[in-house]
Structures are given as C-alpha cells and as structure tokens.
Amino acid sequence: MTQWCAISVMKAVLCVGCTEVDYVTTMDKVDFQCDRCSTQNGMLQRSGRSSNVSTALRLLGANVELFGVLTRNPTYRMILDDLEQRGIDISHCTFTDASPPFSTIVQDRWTRRCTVVYCDKSFPYVTAADFRKLDLDQYGWVNFEARSPRETCDMIRLILDHNNGRDERDRIVVSLQIFNSFEQVVHLIAMCDYVFVTKYIAESRGWKSPLEACEGVNALLRMPRNIRIRRPCIIVPWSSLGAGCMTTEGEYFEVPAHKPKKIIDRVGDSDCFTAGFIYAAFVRQRRLAEAVDFANAVASYKLGYVGFDCLGHLPIDAVKLPVRMRCGSEVSSDDEDNGDQLNSCKKHLLRPIEFLPEKSSIAPTEKEVPIETSQLSS
C-alpha cells in the first residue's frame, strides 16, 4: 500500500455545470468562403467545461461527481454511457428530454487552430434548490462554471454557510471558471477561494499579460487587503506563455509553460489545466505556484494527444521539469529563481507520483484556445 492509496477515500470534487456535445472535424485547410469542402475525419463526443474537468480529474485519480442537467434523449445516450464507463458519479444530476447544446469544431490539420461554431440554444441549468438537496459533507472542493449568475451565487452562499464556523480542514474549497460574460459574474469572484480567468476574457478586458490580468481582477475587489475579508487566489492561463497567479496576499508568480514535443489536439487543453490545478491543490495539497506548474504540465502533455485518455498514462517525467518562476515586480524576460517558493516547487513536484489508470478507452474533448470563432461561446 502506498502513501497515495488514501486518494481513493478522499472527499470528492464536485463539478457544477453543463454537459454538451461536440462534433470535431479536421480539414487540410479551413476556408469558409468556398461552397464545398472535404474533411479528414470527424467524431461526436461528450464535452462541456465541467464535464471535461470531471473527465480529466477522474483520469488523474480523483474522486469526482458531476452535478448538472443531463438529457434522456436516446440520440445522446453516448453521454450517459461515457460518464458511467469513466466512473464519474452522476447520481444527483437532474434530467430533461431536451437535446443538449452542441458545437461544431473545425480544426486545421497543420496549424491545429480551431474554429468553433456554437449553438447557444436554451437548455435547463441546475438550480440552488437542486443544490440544497446535496450532502455537502461529502465534498472537499466544488468547481463552478460562470453560468447562471443568480443560481451560482445562491449555490456558493450555501457552501459558505456550510463552511461557517468549521475548522479549516473541514471547509469546502470553492473555485470558479470565468470564460465568458465577465461583467455578469464579476460579483462572484470575492465569494470564491480560486478564480480561473481565461486569456480570451483578459484580452477582451484590455489586459495584455497575465500580470495585468491578475492586477485587474484584484483591483475589482474593492476592499483593501489590510481589512481581513475573503479574497480569492487568481489564476490566469496564458497559452504558450504559461500562466500567472496571485495569492490572497497579493503576491504574484508567473510560471512558464511546459513545451509540448508536438501539438496534435488543442481541444480541451484549458479544462485539463483546471483539472490539473485542482488535483495538485486538493489531492496533493500543493501551494498555489506549485499547483499552477503542475497544471501547465498536464495541459501541455494533453496537447500531444487526441482526447483526454492520455492523462491516465501521464509519465512522471512530465512533471519533473525544472520549475522556473518570475515573481511580482521582478517579472522580466529573464527567468530567475524565487527563493523558498521555487525550492518548495522542486521539492514537491519531484516527489514520486502514481497516476491511476482508467479502464475506459473513450476520449472526450472540448473546444478551447486558441480560437477563431464564427460564433463565440463558452
């Protein structure tokens, strides 16, 4: 028995959000001006941000539950079959006869750039009333999509009420993925422990770097730091540049990306980043910058394979790369060590890691960066 056998009995990670369907196809050259095009191949697969994060977390070895609205429509039976085969708990999901939202993702065979055509159809979303029925003692971490702001706000408040007066070890950690409609969900930021802000959102706000994005989000938290109120850690993945992160005390770290040997499939890499961070921070109890570095490694590794199943066979060497960080005002073109934080990263990330293999060979993916959108969605 290894020290990591306890993973199987840990509290679960609850992923709250949508499950969708993607049709992914690959073309030699993407040209929407022509009347007729041919594709190399195509496949229909389960997607959705929370759905994908659940898949990646399960492949990494975490206990996962997906909480959302699923369809009974027999055309999309593959969604339920895939979730069941992967061992993702859906026992508290609600069901509808409506067909789920879907996307058509066209990927260029050579550049691997993705064009996403999203059908933003109306589909039911879980409510706080549904969430209230859950036994929150079962969960150690709850990850939300930035959808349905009112319902999400009420659900987070239920968690905060649950955490009130509890020991730090018994509190539920709350994370939020912001990928669209920033203005509508900005008031949720201060309610969370961790906030993920995509590069697309940052650039749409005029933030030109991870540092600007972290400082910009921090500036939205109106109360000064010397007033002891709840403040989140801010995480901003920035594609090939890596990611920036800011602690609750305002200390900034920039963690360079792990360069993949070859980019095969970009679909869903940011969901792998989110899952990698949650796994490192919750299951392995890593500190912020350490968890971001692990997340970078997981996302980079995924880029070299189609789908997510590769994460079940992630080699230890993928997380043994030297950790290089730039800190706060010292951010420059030169990579410099950052004292204790850097040494801690090396110490913990070089520790042996066992990834639990999955029996399933089905590979769900999702739409993601870098994106040219005909109709931008989540």
Protein backbone atom coordinates (compact mmCIF):
# COMPACT_ATOMS: atom_id res chain seq x y z
CA MET A 1 0.00 0.00 0.00
CA THR A 2 1.41 3.39 -0.99
CA GLN A 3 1.02 6.77 0.68
CA TRP A 4 -1.36 7.77 -2.11
CA CYS A 5 -3.87 4.97 -1.53
CA ALA A 6 -5.77 7.48 0.61
CA ILE A 7 -6.74 9.26 -2.62
CA SER A 8 -9.50 6.71 -3.17
CA VAL A 9 -11.20 7.58 0.12
CA MET A 10 -10.79 11.35 -0.03
CA LYS A 11 -13.78 13.63 -0.24
CA ALA A 12 -15.00 14.11 -3.78
CA VAL A 13 -14.53 17.04 -6.12
CA LEU A 14 -17.94 18.30 -7.27
CA CYS A 15 -18.04 19.87 -10.75
CA VAL A 16 -21.14 22.02 -11.27
CA GLY A 17 -22.06 22.92 -14.83
CA CYS A 18 -23.12 21.81 -18.28
CA THR A 19 -22.59 18.68 -20.33
CA GLU A 20 -22.63 19.31 -24.06
CA VAL A 21 -21.81 17.56 -27.33
CA ASP A 22 -19.08 18.43 -29.83
CA TYR A 23 -18.65 17.34 -33.40
CA VAL A 24 -14.94 17.68 -34.11
CA THR A 25 -13.61 17.53 -37.65
CA THR A 26 -10.20 18.13 -39.22
CA MET A 27 -9.53 19.84 -42.55
CA ASP A 28 -6.37 20.31 -44.60
CA LYS A 29 -7.21 23.98 -44.94
CA VAL A 30 -10.08 25.77 -43.23
CA ASP A 31 -11.82 28.00 -45.74
CA PHE A 32 -15.39 29.04 -45.07
CA GLN A 33 -15.59 31.05 -48.28
CA CYS A 34 -15.73 28.01 -50.53
CA ASP A 35 -19.02 26.26 -51.36
CA ARG A 36 -17.75 22.74 -50.81
CA CYS A 37 -15.03 21.37 -48.51
CA SER A 38 -13.76 17.92 -47.56
CA THR A 39 -12.60 16.80 -44.12
CA GLN A 40 -10.01 14.30 -42.98
CA ASN A 41 -12.11 12.76 -40.21
CA GLY A 42 -14.72 13.60 -37.61
CA MET A 43 -16.15 12.36 -34.35
CA LEU A 44 -19.01 13.07 -31.96
CA GLN A 45 -18.01 13.38 -28.31
CA ARG A 46 -19.17 14.48 -24.87
CA SER A 47 -17.98 17.94 -23.89
CA GLY A 48 -18.83 20.91 -21.69
CA ARG A 49 -16.38 22.56 -19.32
CA SER A 50 -17.46 20.89 -16.10
CA SER A 51 -17.93 17.63 -17.92
CA ASN A 52 -14.38 17.78 -19.29
CA VAL A 53 -12.87 18.82 -15.97
CA SER A 54 -14.61 15.83 -14.40
CA THR A 55 -13.11 13.51 -17.00
CA ALA A 56 -9.58 14.87 -16.57
CA LEU A 57 -9.79 14.72 -12.77
CA ARG A 58 -11.03 11.14 -12.88
CA LEU A 59 -8.17 10.12 -15.17
CA LEU A 60 -5.71 11.74 -12.76
CA GLY A 61 -7.16 9.63 -9.95
CA ALA A 62 -9.50 11.95 -8.05
CA ASN A 63 -12.97 11.10 -6.79
CA VAL A 64 -15.34 13.16 -8.95
CA GLU A 65 -19.03 13.93 -9.10
CA LEU A 66 -20.69 15.84 -11.91
CA PHE A 67 -23.71 17.94 -10.95
CA GLY A 68 -25.77 19.30 -13.79
CA VAL A 69 -28.68 18.67 -16.13
CA LEU A 70 -28.38 15.64 -18.42
CA THR A 71 -30.55 14.62 -21.33
CA ARG A 72 -32.70 11.48 -21.59
CA ASN A 73 -32.87 11.87 -25.36
CA PRO A 74 -31.86 8.45 -26.76
CA THR A 75 -29.90 10.15 -29.56
CA TYR A 76 -27.40 11.29 -26.94
CA ARG A 77 -27.22 8.09 -24.92
CA MET A 78 -23.46 8.16 -25.52
CA ILE A 79 -23.19 10.94 -22.91
CA LEU A 80 -24.53 8.76 -20.09
CA ASP A 81 -22.62 5.71 -21.29
CA ASP A 82 -19.33 7.60 -21.33
CA LEU A 83 -19.86 9.09 -17.87
CA GLU A 84 -20.72 5.66 -16.48
CA GLN A 85 -17.72 3.95 -18.07
CA ARG A 86 -15.37 6.56 -16.63
CA GLY A 87 -16.69 6.17 -13.10
CA ILE A 88 -17.94 9.75 -12.81
CA ASP A 89 -20.76 9.97 -10.27
CA ILE A 90 -23.96 11.48 -11.74
CA SER A 91 -26.34 10.25 -9.04
CA HIS A 92 -27.52 13.77 -8.15
CA CYS A 93 -27.93 15.10 -11.68
CA THR A 94 -31.36 16.15 -12.92
CA PHE A 95 -32.70 15.02 -16.30
CA THR A 96 -34.59 16.53 -19.21
CA ASP A 97 -35.89 15.32 -22.58
CA ALA A 98 -34.36 18.29 -24.39
CA SER A 99 -31.29 17.81 -26.58
CA PRO A 100 -28.09 19.36 -25.15
CA PRO A 101 -26.19 22.36 -26.54
CA PHE A 102 -23.65 21.42 -29.17
CA SER A 103 -20.68 22.80 -31.08
CA THR A 104 -19.04 22.09 -34.40
CA ILE A 105 -15.26 22.39 -34.06
CA VAL A 106 -13.22 22.63 -37.23
CA GLN A 107 -9.52 22.08 -36.68
CA ASP A 108 -6.82 22.91 -39.21
CA ARG A 109 -4.74 19.81 -39.84
CA TRP A 110 -1.42 21.67 -39.99
CA THR A 111 -1.72 24.64 -37.63
CA ARG A 112 -4.17 22.96 -35.23
CA ARG A 113 -6.06 26.20 -34.93
CA CYS A 114 -9.71 25.66 -34.04
CA THR A 115 -12.80 27.39 -35.33
CA VAL A 116 -15.82 26.84 -33.09
CA VAL A 117 -19.40 27.22 -34.26
CA TYR A 118 -21.54 27.10 -31.14
CA CYS A 119 -25.28 26.54 -30.93
CA ASP A 120 -26.25 28.66 -27.94
CA LYS A 121 -29.63 27.04 -27.52
CA SER A 122 -31.73 27.25 -24.40
CA PHE A 123 -31.10 24.35 -22.03
CA PRO A 124 -32.01 23.89 -18.35
CA TYR A 125 -29.37 24.63 -15.72
CA VAL A 126 -29.16 23.27 -12.19
CA THR A 127 -30.70 25.42 -9.51
CA ALA A 128 -29.85 26.27 -5.92
CA ALA A 129 -32.93 24.29 -4.92
CA ASP A 130 -31.35 21.21 -6.52
CA PHE A 131 -28.03 22.01 -4.89
CA ARG A 132 -29.64 22.33 -1.46
CA LYS A 133 -30.51 18.60 -1.58
CA LEU A 134 -26.84 17.59 -1.65
CA ASP A 135 -24.99 16.38 1.43
CA LEU A 136 -22.14 18.88 1.38
CA ASP A 137 -20.14 16.84 3.90
CA GLN A 138 -19.25 14.52 1.00
CA TYR A 139 -17.26 17.17 -0.87
CA GLY A 140 -13.93 18.82 -0.30
CA TRP A 141 -13.84 21.01 -3.42
CA VAL A 142 -16.61 22.45 -5.61
CA ASN A 143 -15.79 23.87 -9.04
CA PHE A 144 -18.35 26.13 -10.76
CA GLU A 145 -18.71 27.36 -14.31
CA ALA A 146 -19.50 31.05 -14.61
CA ARG A 147 -23.04 30.41 -15.84
CA SER A 148 -26.44 31.42 -14.49
CA PRO A 149 -25.03 34.04 -12.08
CA ARG A 150 -28.03 34.17 -9.75
CA GLU A 151 -28.22 30.40 -9.25
CA THR A 152 -24.45 30.11 -8.95
CA CYS A 153 -24.39 32.89 -6.35
CA ASP A 154 -27.04 31.10 -4.28
CA MET A 155 -25.16 27.81 -4.52
CA ILE A 156 -21.90 29.40 -3.38
CA ARG A 157 -23.74 31.03 -0.47
CA LEU A 158 -24.95 27.59 0.61
CA ILE A 159 -21.33 26.43 0.70
CA LEU A 160 -20.22 29.49 2.65
CA ASP A 161 -22.99 28.83 5.18
CA HIS A 162 -21.82 25.23 5.40
CA ASN A 163 -18.23 26.37 5.99
CA ASN A 164 -19.15 28.92 8.63
CA GLY A 165 -17.58 28.02 11.97
CA ARG A 166 -15.85 24.90 10.66
CA ASP A 167 -12.20 24.01 11.03
CA GLU A 168 -10.02 24.86 8.01
CA ARG A 169 -9.60 21.16 7.20
CA ASP A 170 -13.37 20.65 7.01
CA ARG A 171 -14.11 23.64 4.79
CA ILE A 172 -15.18 23.15 1.19
CA VAL A 173 -12.90 24.92 -1.29
CA VAL A 174 -14.73 26.90 -3.99
CA SER A 175 -13.30 27.58 -7.45
CA LEU A 176 -14.85 29.45 -10.37
CA GLN A 177 -14.04 29.26 -14.10
CA ILE A 178 -14.72 32.57 -15.87
CA PHE A 179 -14.71 32.11 -19.62
CA ASN A 180 -17.50 34.38 -20.88
CA SER A 181 -19.72 37.29 -19.82
CA PHE A 182 -17.24 38.64 -17.26
CA GLU A 183 -19.38 41.60 -16.23
CA GLN A 184 -22.28 39.35 -15.29
CA VAL A 185 -20.28 37.19 -12.88
CA VAL A 186 -17.68 39.61 -11.52
CA HIS A 187 -19.55 39.88 -8.21
CA LEU A 188 -18.96 36.14 -7.63
CA ILE A 189 -15.17 36.50 -7.53
CA ALA A 190 -14.90 37.61 -3.90
CA MET A 191 -17.02 34.63 -2.80
CA CYS A 192 -14.50 32.05 -4.04
CA ASP A 193 -11.15 30.62 -2.98
CA TYR A 194 -9.76 30.28 -6.52
CA VAL A 195 -10.76 32.05 -9.73
CA PHE A 196 -9.66 30.98 -13.22
CA VAL A 197 -9.75 33.74 -15.85
CA THR A 198 -9.14 32.75 -19.47
CA LYS A 199 -6.78 34.57 -21.82
CA TYR A 200 -9.77 35.44 -24.03
CA ILE A 201 -11.52 37.21 -21.15
CA ALA A 202 -8.33 39.01 -20.14
CA GLU A 203 -7.69 40.33 -23.65
CA SER A 204 -11.30 41.37 -24.05
CA ARG A 205 -10.82 43.49 -20.89
CA GLY A 206 -7.68 45.09 -22.32
CA TRP A 207 -5.27 43.15 -20.10
CA LYS A 208 -2.22 42.31 -22.21
CA SER A 209 -0.40 39.92 -19.90
CA PRO A 210 -1.10 37.52 -17.02
CA LEU A 211 0.27 40.13 -14.61
CA GLU A 212 -2.11 42.81 -15.90
CA ALA A 213 -4.99 40.33 -15.70
CA CYS A 214 -4.22 39.36 -12.09
CA GLU A 215 -3.84 43.01 -11.09
CA GLY A 216 -7.01 43.92 -12.99
CA VAL A 217 -9.09 41.26 -11.24
CA ASN A 218 -7.52 42.20 -7.91
CA ALA A 219 -8.46 45.85 -8.47
CA LEU A 220 -12.10 44.80 -8.77
CA LEU A 221 -12.01 43.57 -5.16
CA ARG A 222 -12.76 46.95 -3.66
CA MET A 223 -11.81 46.40 -0.03
CA PRO A 224 -8.10 46.95 0.81
CA ARG A 225 -6.01 43.97 1.88
CA ASN A 226 -5.48 45.29 5.41
CA ILE A 227 -9.18 44.65 6.02
CA ARG A 228 -9.44 40.94 6.71
CA ILE A 229 -12.11 39.79 4.29
CA ARG A 230 -12.36 36.87 1.94
CA ARG A 231 -10.11 37.22 -1.12
CA PRO A 232 -9.50 34.61 -3.82
CA CYS A 233 -6.33 33.36 -5.42
CA ILE A 234 -6.35 34.44 -9.08
CA ILE A 235 -5.10 32.13 -11.84
CA VAL A 236 -4.71 33.24 -15.46
CA PRO A 237 -3.58 30.59 -18.00
CA TRP A 238 -1.89 32.31 -20.94
CA SER A 239 -1.45 29.65 -23.62
CA SER A 240 2.16 29.06 -24.68
CA LEU A 241 3.44 31.69 -22.21
CA GLY A 242 2.37 29.60 -19.24
CA ALA A 243 0.22 31.13 -16.51
CA GLY A 244 0.17 33.90 -13.94
CA CYS A 245 -1.21 33.57 -10.44
CA MET A 246 -1.70 35.85 -7.44
CA THR A 247 -2.05 34.74 -3.84
CA THR A 248 -4.61 36.04 -1.38
CA GLU A 249 -1.89 38.35 -0.02
CA GLY A 250 -1.28 39.87 -3.45
CA GLU A 251 1.99 38.09 -4.21
CA TYR A 252 2.32 37.43 -7.94
CA PHE A 253 4.04 34.48 -9.66
CA GLU A 254 4.46 33.80 -13.35
CA VAL A 255 5.04 30.14 -14.19
CA PRO A 256 6.30 29.38 -17.74
CA ALA A 257 4.61 26.72 -19.82
CA HIS A 258 5.91 23.19 -20.31
CA LYS A 259 6.59 23.00 -24.05
CA PRO A 260 4.94 20.01 -25.75
CA LYS A 261 7.02 17.98 -28.20
CA LYS A 262 4.27 18.21 -30.80
CA ILE A 263 0.79 19.72 -30.84
CA ILE A 264 -1.79 17.20 -32.03
CA ASP A 265 -5.07 18.34 -30.45
CA ARG A 266 -5.82 21.68 -28.80
CA VAL A 267 -9.42 20.85 -27.93
CA GLY A 268 -9.94 20.89 -24.16
CA ASP A 269 -6.44 21.88 -23.03
CA SER A 270 -7.69 24.60 -20.67
CA ASP A 271 -10.03 22.12 -18.98
CA CYS A 272 -7.01 19.89 -18.43
CA PHE A 273 -5.26 22.90 -16.88
CA THR A 274 -8.16 23.45 -14.48
CA ALA A 275 -8.32 19.75 -13.58
CA GLY A 276 -4.54 19.58 -13.11
CA PHE A 277 -4.63 22.55 -10.76
CA ILE A 278 -7.49 21.15 -8.66
CA TYR A 279 -5.78 17.78 -8.48
CA ALA A 280 -2.46 19.30 -7.36
CA ALA A 281 -4.01 21.76 -4.90
CA PHE A 282 -6.64 19.48 -3.38
CA VAL A 283 -5.43 15.89 -3.70
CA ARG A 284 -1.71 16.62 -3.40
CA GLN A 285 -2.03 19.71 -1.17
CA ARG A 286 0.41 21.78 -3.24
CA ARG A 287 0.80 25.52 -2.81
CA LEU A 288 -0.50 27.93 -5.44
CA ALA A 289 2.52 28.26 -7.74
CA GLU A 290 3.32 24.55 -7.44
CA ALA A 291 -0.22 23.64 -8.47
CA VAL A 292 -0.09 26.06 -11.41
CA ASP A 293 3.16 24.46 -12.61
CA PHE A 294 1.57 21.02 -12.40
CA ALA A 295 -1.47 22.31 -14.29
CA ASN A 296 0.82 23.67 -17.02
CA ALA A 297 2.45 20.24 -17.31
CA VAL A 298 -0.88 18.44 -17.58
CA ALA A 299 -2.23 20.85 -20.22
CA SER A 300 1.00 20.63 -22.21
CA TYR A 301 1.00 16.83 -22.11
CA LYS A 302 -2.60 16.71 -23.34
CA LEU A 303 -1.69 18.80 -26.43
CA GLY A 304 0.34 15.89 -27.78
CA TYR A 305 -2.64 13.50 -27.87
CA VAL A 306 -6.18 13.35 -29.18
CA GLY A 307 -8.67 13.35 -26.33
CA PHE A 308 -8.12 13.06 -22.60
CA ASP A 309 -7.30 9.37 -22.15
CA CYS A 310 -3.59 10.15 -22.31
CA LEU A 311 -3.87 11.66 -18.81
CA GLY A 312 -4.39 8.19 -17.39
CA HIS A 313 -0.88 7.33 -18.60
CA LEU A 314 0.86 10.61 -17.85
CA PRO A 315 4.53 9.73 -17.19
CA ILE A 316 6.19 11.01 -14.05
CA ASP A 317 8.81 12.77 -16.19
CA ALA A 318 6.05 15.10 -17.43
CA VAL A 319 6.00 16.79 -14.03
CA LYS A 320 9.73 16.62 -13.29
CA LEU A 321 10.75 19.55 -15.45
CA PRO A 322 12.62 22.32 -13.58
CA VAL A 323 10.30 24.93 -12.16
CA ARG A 324 11.15 28.44 -13.41
CA MET A 325 9.28 31.35 -11.93
CA ARG A 326 9.18 35.09 -12.08
CA CYS A 327 7.86 36.91 -9.08
CA GLY A 328 5.99 40.18 -8.61
CA SER A 329 7.81 43.31 -9.71
CA GLU A 330 10.80 41.21 -10.78
CA VAL A 331 8.96 39.91 -13.86
CA SER A 332 11.26 40.33 -16.84
CA SER A 333 12.50 38.50 -19.90
CA ASP A 334 14.98 36.59 -17.74
CA ASP A 335 13.88 33.59 -15.72
CA GLU A 336 15.01 33.97 -12.11
CA ASP A 337 14.66 31.71 -9.12
CA ASN A 338 12.29 32.74 -6.40
CA GLY A 339 13.83 31.54 -3.15
CA ASP A 340 11.75 29.39 -0.89
CA GLN A 341 8.78 29.18 -3.25
CA LEU A 342 10.98 27.81 -6.04
CA ASN A 343 12.72 25.32 -3.78
CA SER A 344 9.36 24.17 -2.50
CA CYS A 345 8.15 23.61 -6.06
CA LYS A 346 11.18 21.44 -6.83
CA LYS A 347 10.85 19.54 -3.58
CA HIS A 348 7.20 18.65 -4.02
CA LEU A 349 6.99 18.17 -7.79
CA LEU A 350 9.92 15.72 -7.78
CA ARG A 351 8.12 13.54 -5.27
CA PRO A 352 7.03 10.20 -6.85
CA ILE A 353 3.54 10.34 -8.31
CA GLU A 354 1.28 7.45 -9.19
CA PHE A 355 -1.43 8.12 -11.74
CA LEU A 356 -4.35 5.71 -11.53
CA PRO A 357 -5.12 4.15 -14.94
CA GLU A 358 -8.65 4.06 -16.28
CA LYS A 359 -10.30 1.07 -17.93
CA SER A 360 -12.17 3.18 -20.42
CA SER A 361 -10.64 4.00 -23.78
CA ILE A 362 -13.20 6.59 -24.82
CA ALA A 363 -11.76 10.08 -25.19
CA PRO A 364 -13.99 13.10 -24.67
CA THR A 365 -12.73 16.53 -25.56
CA GLU A 366 -13.88 20.11 -25.69
CA LYS A 367 -13.49 23.34 -27.54
CA GLU A 368 -10.73 25.65 -26.42
CA VAL A 369 -7.90 28.02 -27.19
CA PRO A 370 -6.53 29.45 -29.37
CA ILE A 371 -9.85 30.04 -31.05
CA GLU A 372 -11.18 31.79 -34.09
CA THR A 373 -14.89 31.83 -33.54
CA SER A 374 -17.62 32.09 -36.07
CA GLN A 375 -19.97 32.32 -33.12
CA LEU A 376 -18.10 32.61 -29.85
CA SER A 377 -19.48 30.59 -26.99
CA SER A 378 -18.28 29.46 -23.64
